[in-house]
Protein backbone atom coordinates (compact mmCIF):
# COMPACT_ATOMS: atom_id res chain seq x y z
CA MET A 1 48.08 22.19 -50.37
CA ASN A 2 48.91 20.57 -47.07
CA ILE A 3 47.19 17.19 -47.33
CA LEU A 4 46.55 14.38 -44.85
CA VAL A 5 46.16 10.98 -46.52
CA THR A 6 44.75 8.19 -44.38
CA GLY A 7 45.77 4.67 -45.35
CA THR A 8 49.18 5.57 -46.79
CA ASP A 9 50.51 2.08 -46.10
CA GLY A 10 47.80 0.50 -48.25
CA TYR A 11 47.50 -0.56 -51.88
CA ILE A 12 46.43 2.86 -53.18
CA GLY A 13 47.95 5.02 -50.45
CA SER A 14 51.53 3.79 -50.94
CA LEU A 15 51.34 5.15 -54.51
CA LEU A 16 49.20 8.21 -53.82
CA GLY A 17 51.46 9.85 -51.24
CA PRO A 18 54.52 10.07 -53.51
CA LEU A 19 52.36 11.09 -56.49
CA LEU A 20 50.88 14.05 -54.60
CA MET A 21 54.34 15.06 -53.39
CA ASP A 22 55.59 14.96 -56.99
CA ARG A 23 52.78 17.41 -57.84
CA GLY A 24 54.10 19.87 -55.26
CA HIS A 25 51.84 19.19 -52.31
CA GLU A 26 52.89 18.75 -48.69
CA VAL A 27 51.68 15.30 -47.61
CA VAL A 28 51.42 13.59 -44.24
CA GLY A 29 50.16 10.03 -43.98
CA LEU A 30 48.12 8.30 -41.29
CA ASP A 31 47.88 4.54 -40.99
CA THR A 32 47.33 1.95 -38.28
CA GLY A 33 49.85 -0.40 -39.90
CA PHE A 34 47.91 -3.63 -40.50
CA TYR A 35 49.74 -4.32 -43.79
CA ARG A 36 53.32 -3.32 -43.06
CA ASP A 37 54.62 -6.88 -42.76
CA SER A 38 55.95 -6.94 -46.29
CA ALA A 39 56.30 -5.04 -49.55
CA LEU A 40 56.19 -6.85 -52.88
CA TYR A 41 58.96 -4.70 -54.29
CA ASN A 42 61.25 -1.88 -53.21
CA SER A 43 59.74 1.58 -53.74
CA ARG A 44 62.30 3.56 -51.74
CA VAL A 45 63.62 5.37 -54.79
CA ARG A 46 60.69 7.76 -54.31
CA THR A 47 60.22 10.11 -51.38
CA THR A 48 57.39 8.95 -49.13
CA PRO A 49 55.40 11.05 -46.68
CA ARG A 50 55.91 11.07 -42.94
CA CYS A 51 53.29 8.78 -41.39
CA ILE A 52 51.31 9.13 -38.17
CA ASN A 53 50.72 5.70 -36.63
CA LYS A 54 47.08 5.86 -35.57
CA ASP A 55 43.70 4.19 -35.98
CA ILE A 56 41.17 6.53 -37.61
CA ARG A 57 38.86 5.92 -34.64
CA HIS A 58 41.47 7.61 -32.43
CA VAL A 59 42.08 10.68 -34.58
CA THR A 60 41.58 13.93 -32.68
CA MET A 61 40.95 17.47 -33.88
CA GLU A 62 44.51 18.30 -32.79
CA ASP A 63 45.81 15.72 -35.28
CA LEU A 64 43.99 17.57 -38.07
CA LEU A 65 45.16 21.12 -37.41
CA GLY A 66 46.99 22.79 -40.28
CA PHE A 67 45.68 20.67 -43.13
CA ASP A 68 43.86 22.06 -46.16
CA ALA A 69 42.48 18.72 -47.31
CA VAL A 70 42.02 15.12 -46.22
CA VAL A 71 41.98 12.11 -48.53
CA HIS A 72 40.36 9.19 -46.75
CA LEU A 73 41.42 5.71 -47.85
CA ALA A 74 41.78 3.94 -44.49
CA GLU A 75 38.93 1.45 -44.20
CA LEU A 76 38.52 -2.32 -44.12
CA SER A 77 38.94 -2.79 -47.78
CA ASN A 78 36.83 -5.40 -49.51
CA ASP A 79 33.70 -7.57 -49.51
CA PRO A 80 35.11 -10.82 -48.00
CA LEU A 81 36.73 -8.89 -45.16
CA GLY A 82 33.55 -6.93 -44.54
CA GLN A 83 31.43 -10.08 -44.45
CA HIS A 84 33.88 -11.73 -42.05
CA SER A 85 33.39 -8.98 -39.46
CA PRO A 86 30.27 -6.97 -40.38
CA GLU A 87 29.96 -5.23 -37.00
CA ILE A 88 33.57 -4.02 -37.04
CA THR A 89 33.18 -3.00 -40.67
CA TYR A 90 30.30 -0.71 -39.70
CA LYS A 91 32.24 0.70 -36.74
CA ILE A 92 35.34 1.50 -38.81
CA ASN A 93 34.06 2.13 -42.32
CA HIS A 94 30.84 3.97 -41.45
CA GLN A 95 31.06 5.37 -37.93
CA GLY A 96 34.82 5.97 -38.03
CA THR A 97 34.65 7.76 -41.36
CA VAL A 98 31.71 9.98 -40.38
CA GLN A 99 33.49 10.85 -37.13
CA LEU A 100 36.63 11.77 -39.09
CA ALA A 101 34.67 13.94 -41.56
CA ARG A 102 32.90 15.72 -38.72
CA ALA A 103 36.23 16.50 -37.03
CA CYS A 104 37.65 17.79 -40.34
CA LYS A 105 34.72 20.16 -40.69
CA GLN A 106 35.07 21.38 -37.12
CA VAL A 107 38.74 22.32 -37.54
CA GLY A 108 38.11 24.10 -40.84
CA ILE A 109 39.47 21.61 -43.40
CA GLU A 110 37.74 22.61 -46.61
CA ARG A 111 38.21 19.54 -48.81
CA PHE A 112 37.40 15.94 -47.91
CA VAL A 113 37.95 13.37 -50.66
CA TYR A 114 36.36 10.02 -49.87
CA THR A 115 37.16 6.89 -51.86
CA SER A 116 33.88 5.04 -52.31
CA SER A 117 33.29 2.12 -54.66
CA CYS A 118 31.28 1.06 -57.69
CA SER A 119 30.29 -1.97 -55.61
CA VAL A 120 27.46 0.23 -54.28
CA TYR A 121 25.61 -0.67 -57.51
CA GLY A 122 25.58 -4.34 -56.55
CA VAL A 123 23.29 -6.26 -58.89
CA GLY A 124 22.71 -4.21 -62.01
CA SER A 125 20.50 -4.45 -65.04
CA ASP A 126 21.63 -4.23 -68.64
CA ASP A 127 21.75 -0.45 -68.27
CA TYR A 128 24.96 1.32 -67.41
CA ARG A 129 24.96 2.61 -63.84
CA THR A 130 25.49 6.36 -63.43
CA GLU A 131 26.00 8.52 -60.36
CA THR A 132 22.23 9.11 -60.23
CA SER A 133 21.30 5.42 -60.49
CA GLU A 134 19.73 3.72 -57.50
CA THR A 135 22.30 1.94 -55.36
CA ASN A 136 21.86 -1.73 -54.50
CA PRO A 137 24.71 -2.74 -52.15
CA GLN A 138 25.02 -6.45 -51.47
CA THR A 139 27.66 -6.54 -48.71
CA ALA A 140 28.54 -4.80 -45.46
CA TYR A 141 31.46 -3.12 -47.24
CA ALA A 142 29.24 -1.66 -49.97
CA LYS A 143 26.45 -0.72 -47.56
CA CYS A 144 28.93 1.28 -45.49
CA LYS A 145 30.00 3.17 -48.60
CA VAL A 146 26.40 4.20 -49.27
CA MET A 147 25.85 5.30 -45.68
CA VAL A 148 29.05 7.35 -45.61
CA GLU A 149 28.08 9.12 -48.83
CA ARG A 150 24.66 9.92 -47.35
CA ASP A 151 25.89 11.14 -43.98
CA VAL A 152 28.93 13.11 -45.13
CA ALA A 153 26.99 14.76 -47.97
CA GLN A 154 24.69 16.24 -45.35
CA MET A 155 27.68 18.04 -43.78
CA ALA A 156 28.51 19.96 -46.98
CA GLU A 157 28.43 23.74 -46.73
CA ASP A 158 30.34 26.78 -47.96
CA ARG A 159 33.56 25.92 -46.11
CA PHE A 160 33.37 22.11 -46.24
CA SER A 161 33.40 20.41 -49.65
CA PRO A 162 33.25 16.61 -49.65
CA THR A 163 33.86 14.69 -52.89
CA PHE A 164 32.93 11.03 -53.34
CA LEU A 165 34.96 8.91 -55.77
CA ARG A 166 33.27 5.60 -56.61
CA ASN A 167 36.26 3.61 -57.82
CA ALA A 168 35.86 0.72 -60.21
CA THR A 169 37.68 -2.47 -59.19
CA ALA A 170 41.36 -1.61 -58.98
CA TYR A 171 44.27 -3.46 -60.58
CA GLY A 172 47.95 -2.95 -61.23
CA PRO A 173 51.26 -3.15 -59.34
CA SER A 174 51.77 -1.51 -55.95
CA PRO A 175 54.43 -2.02 -53.27
CA ARG A 176 51.64 -2.90 -50.81
CA MET A 177 50.18 -5.34 -53.27
CA ARG A 178 46.69 -6.81 -53.16
CA PHE A 179 46.15 -10.23 -54.66
CA ASP A 180 42.49 -10.28 -53.57
CA LEU A 181 41.54 -8.12 -56.57
CA VAL A 182 40.38 -9.95 -59.67
CA LEU A 183 42.96 -8.99 -62.28
CA ASN A 184 45.86 -9.04 -59.80
CA ASN A 185 44.78 -12.43 -58.51
CA LEU A 186 44.51 -13.94 -61.98
CA GLY A 187 47.93 -12.53 -62.81
CA GLY A 188 49.42 -14.17 -59.74
CA LEU A 189 47.84 -17.50 -60.64
CA ALA A 190 49.06 -17.25 -64.22
CA TRP A 191 52.63 -16.59 -63.06
CA THR A 192 52.84 -19.20 -60.30
CA THR A 193 50.83 -22.06 -61.88
CA ASN A 194 50.69 -21.30 -65.63
CA LYS A 195 46.98 -21.91 -65.27
CA ILE A 196 43.78 -19.96 -64.72
CA ALA A 197 41.03 -22.42 -63.79
CA MET A 198 37.87 -20.42 -63.22
CA THR A 199 35.10 -21.94 -61.12
CA SER A 200 32.47 -19.68 -62.71
CA ASP A 201 31.44 -19.12 -66.31
CA GLY A 202 32.88 -15.61 -66.12
CA THR A 203 29.76 -13.88 -67.44
CA PRO A 204 29.33 -11.23 -64.67
CA TRP A 205 30.38 -7.70 -65.58
CA ARG A 206 32.96 -5.70 -63.64
CA PRO A 207 34.31 -2.21 -64.30
CA LEU A 208 38.08 -1.98 -63.80
CA VAL A 209 40.46 0.93 -63.21
CA HIS A 210 44.23 1.03 -62.85
CA VAL A 211 45.44 1.97 -59.36
CA LEU A 212 47.47 4.88 -60.76
CA ASP A 213 44.39 6.24 -62.52
CA ILE A 214 42.63 6.21 -59.14
CA CYS A 215 45.53 8.24 -57.73
CA HIS A 216 45.24 10.64 -60.67
CA ALA A 217 41.49 11.07 -60.03
CA ILE A 218 42.17 11.91 -56.38
CA ALA A 219 44.78 14.50 -57.37
CA CYS A 220 42.39 16.06 -59.89
CA ALA A 221 39.63 16.25 -57.26
CA LEU A 222 41.99 17.99 -54.84
CA GLU A 223 43.17 20.50 -57.43
CA ALA A 224 39.85 21.21 -59.21
CA PRO A 225 37.88 24.42 -58.71
CA ARG A 226 35.47 24.09 -55.79
CA GLU A 227 32.39 24.36 -58.00
CA ALA A 228 33.49 21.28 -59.95
CA ILE A 229 33.79 18.96 -56.96
CA HIS A 230 31.61 20.36 -54.14
CA ASN A 231 29.47 17.50 -52.78
CA GLU A 232 29.78 15.63 -56.08
CA ILE A 233 29.91 11.90 -56.75
CA PHE A 234 32.15 10.65 -59.55
CA ASN A 235 32.41 7.10 -60.85
CA VAL A 236 36.16 6.59 -61.39
CA GLY A 237 37.15 4.71 -64.51
CA ASP A 238 36.50 4.59 -68.24
CA THR A 239 33.32 3.25 -69.82
CA LYS A 240 35.40 1.18 -72.27
CA GLN A 241 36.83 -0.70 -69.28
CA ASN A 242 33.70 -2.63 -68.38
CA TYR A 243 34.72 -6.26 -68.76
CA GLN A 244 33.10 -9.63 -68.26
CA VAL A 245 35.20 -11.63 -65.81
CA ARG A 246 36.08 -14.15 -68.53
CA GLU A 247 37.41 -11.27 -70.68
CA ILE A 248 39.67 -10.25 -67.80
CA ALA A 249 40.92 -13.85 -67.56
CA GLN A 250 41.57 -13.95 -71.30
CA ILE A 251 43.52 -10.68 -71.18
CA VAL A 252 45.69 -12.01 -68.34
CA ALA A 253 46.24 -15.36 -70.05
CA GLN A 254 47.43 -13.56 -73.20
CA ALA A 255 49.95 -11.49 -71.19
CA PHE A 256 51.47 -14.55 -69.47
CA PRO A 257 53.11 -16.96 -71.93
CA ASN A 258 52.01 -20.61 -71.82
CA CYS A 259 49.09 -19.87 -69.48
CA GLU A 260 46.18 -22.31 -69.79
CA LEU A 261 42.67 -20.89 -69.28
CA THR A 262 39.57 -22.94 -68.43
CA LEU A 263 36.08 -21.72 -67.54
CA GLY A 264 33.57 -23.31 -65.16
CA LYS A 265 29.86 -22.92 -64.57
CA SER A 266 27.95 -20.19 -62.78
CA ASP A 267 28.97 -20.09 -59.10
CA GLY A 268 25.91 -18.21 -57.85
CA ASP A 269 27.61 -14.83 -57.50
CA GLN A 270 24.90 -12.41 -58.58
CA ARG A 271 27.04 -9.28 -58.50
CA SER A 272 27.15 -7.97 -62.03
CA TYR A 273 27.03 -4.38 -63.19
CA ARG A 274 28.33 -2.05 -65.87
CA VAL A 275 29.12 1.54 -65.09
CA SER A 276 29.18 4.77 -67.06
CA PHE A 277 32.18 7.02 -66.45
CA GLU A 278 31.05 9.89 -68.67
CA LYS A 279 30.70 12.35 -65.79
CA ILE A 280 34.27 12.17 -64.50
CA ASN A 281 35.71 12.26 -68.00
CA THR A 282 33.75 15.38 -68.94
CA ARG A 283 33.40 17.28 -65.66
CA LEU A 284 36.52 16.67 -63.57
CA PRO A 285 39.25 18.94 -65.00
CA GLY A 286 42.37 17.09 -66.11
CA PHE A 287 41.11 13.54 -65.61
CA ALA A 288 41.34 10.71 -68.12
CA CYS A 289 42.31 7.08 -67.65
CA ARG A 290 45.74 6.43 -69.15
CA ARG A 291 45.83 2.63 -68.81
CA ASP A 292 43.64 -0.38 -69.54
CA ALA A 293 43.54 -4.04 -68.48
CA HIS A 294 45.96 -5.09 -71.23
CA ILE A 295 48.57 -2.63 -69.92
CA GLY A 296 47.93 -3.68 -66.32
CA ALA A 297 48.34 -7.38 -67.10
CA GLN A 298 51.58 -6.72 -68.98
CA GLN A 299 52.90 -4.59 -66.08
CA LEU A 300 52.20 -7.43 -63.68
CA PHE A 301 54.00 -9.95 -65.87
CA GLU A 302 57.05 -7.68 -66.17
CA LEU A 303 57.09 -7.04 -62.41
CA PHE A 304 56.77 -10.72 -61.48
CA GLU A 305 59.56 -11.58 -63.91
CA ARG A 306 61.82 -8.84 -62.55
CA ILE A 307 61.39 -9.76 -58.87
CA GLN A 308 61.14 -13.50 -59.65
CA MET A 309 57.99 -13.74 -57.60
CA SER A 310 57.59 -17.11 -55.89
CA ARG A 311 54.39 -18.89 -55.01
CA GLU A 312 55.15 -18.16 -51.35
CA MET A 313 55.24 -14.43 -52.11
CA PHE A 314 51.98 -14.62 -54.06
CA GLU A 315 50.25 -16.44 -51.21
CA PHE A 316 51.78 -14.36 -48.39
CA ARG A 317 49.12 -13.14 -45.99
CA SER A 318 49.98 -9.42 -46.22
CA PHE A 319 48.84 -9.33 -49.83
CA THR A 320 45.34 -10.66 -49.07
CA ARG A 321 43.47 -8.42 -46.66
CA LEU A 322 41.32 -11.07 -44.98
CA LYS A 323 44.29 -13.41 -44.42
CA GLN A 324 46.30 -10.65 -42.76
CA LEU A 325 43.55 -9.56 -40.37
CA GLN A 326 42.82 -13.18 -39.43
CA TYR A 327 46.54 -13.66 -38.70
CA LEU A 328 46.71 -10.55 -36.50
CA ILE A 329 43.69 -11.75 -34.50
CA LYS A 330 44.95 -15.34 -34.22
CA THR A 331 48.33 -14.17 -32.92
CA ALA A 332 46.64 -11.76 -30.46
CA GLN A 333 48.28 -8.71 -32.00
CA ILE A 334 44.91 -7.03 -32.44
CA ASP A 335 41.74 -7.57 -30.43
CA GLN A 336 38.23 -8.40 -31.64
CA ASP A 337 37.59 -4.70 -32.29
CA PHE A 338 40.71 -4.53 -34.48
CA PHE A 339 42.63 -2.33 -32.06
CA TRP A 340 46.31 -3.14 -31.51
CA ARG A 341 47.04 -4.91 -28.24
CA GLN A 342 49.76 -3.67 -25.93
CA ALA A 343 52.94 -5.53 -26.82
CA THR A 344 54.00 -7.97 -24.11
CA PRO A 345 57.77 -8.41 -23.74
CA PRO A 346 59.09 -11.98 -23.72
CA ILE A 347 59.63 -13.57 -20.30
CA GLU A 348 63.29 -13.43 -19.35
CA ARG A 349 64.82 -16.66 -18.11
CA ARG A 350 66.92 -16.41 -15.00
CA ASN A 351 70.39 -17.82 -15.14
CA ALA A 352 70.18 -21.04 -13.17
CA ALA A 353 73.84 -20.70 -12.28
């Protein structure tokens, strides 16, 4: 297929583009470039797709001509960032995505794979959440996911097949690293401080999924028969990978030698949910998770050792989404609507002589 992937400069997208190309697809990326300031490690040994530099709110039908499928990753990407700018989150994540899906349908793109999130379940009970469970989003980010699923599902018809992938919380190495994800963050702390000092008691539940298993799920959704994916929602992960946060911390501490782990008391975060991944593992052809948190933690340790990651690298703004967007606003590179400002050339000094 000829595939457009939005967000190819992001945490998932920087891995997804080359993976799809390895599977024989033609891939073009689209990204506005918020996170290009740095890469954690060199990934140039793999061929990467050509990238269109564009905000999804500016995508036209002409940009979409010739594609068989669109994978949409390009949104403001987590709860803290969404809460920092709720209005912009709605404009980009909800309105921008619906506008993009509508344009895809109008130009005849038949497959639209949307990366949603298990955070739509919010505060759960003791039961495992399934794709038919009631959603209970707690943040602007999660609420936008629910609204996109609702609005894009209504567009489905014979020649337009959306698929909604509710990813568990991602982890694992990526060139465009994110240290604002729980396992990745704990790994960074373990490497740079030899200590994981949790402020909470770690009792909330979180489902996890390796970033490469997310990429594999997207590829399977693109390649599956239409009847398997048409207007379907899939939780992406493995039911065995529901962890309490303290379990995640223990797994990381075991992977990083001489790491000290301490737990705190409840910090008031009510988000806790377990998720069933039976549907994707039985109904999406070819899909199965190949990695777990133990493998992910070990991969992080080996990567940090190989690149000799410093504390400055771990704390660099590009690897924490909220920090990077705050920096771009503070330095007037983007405006309050998160559009890039026109670059102003430096003032030339005249030679006094």
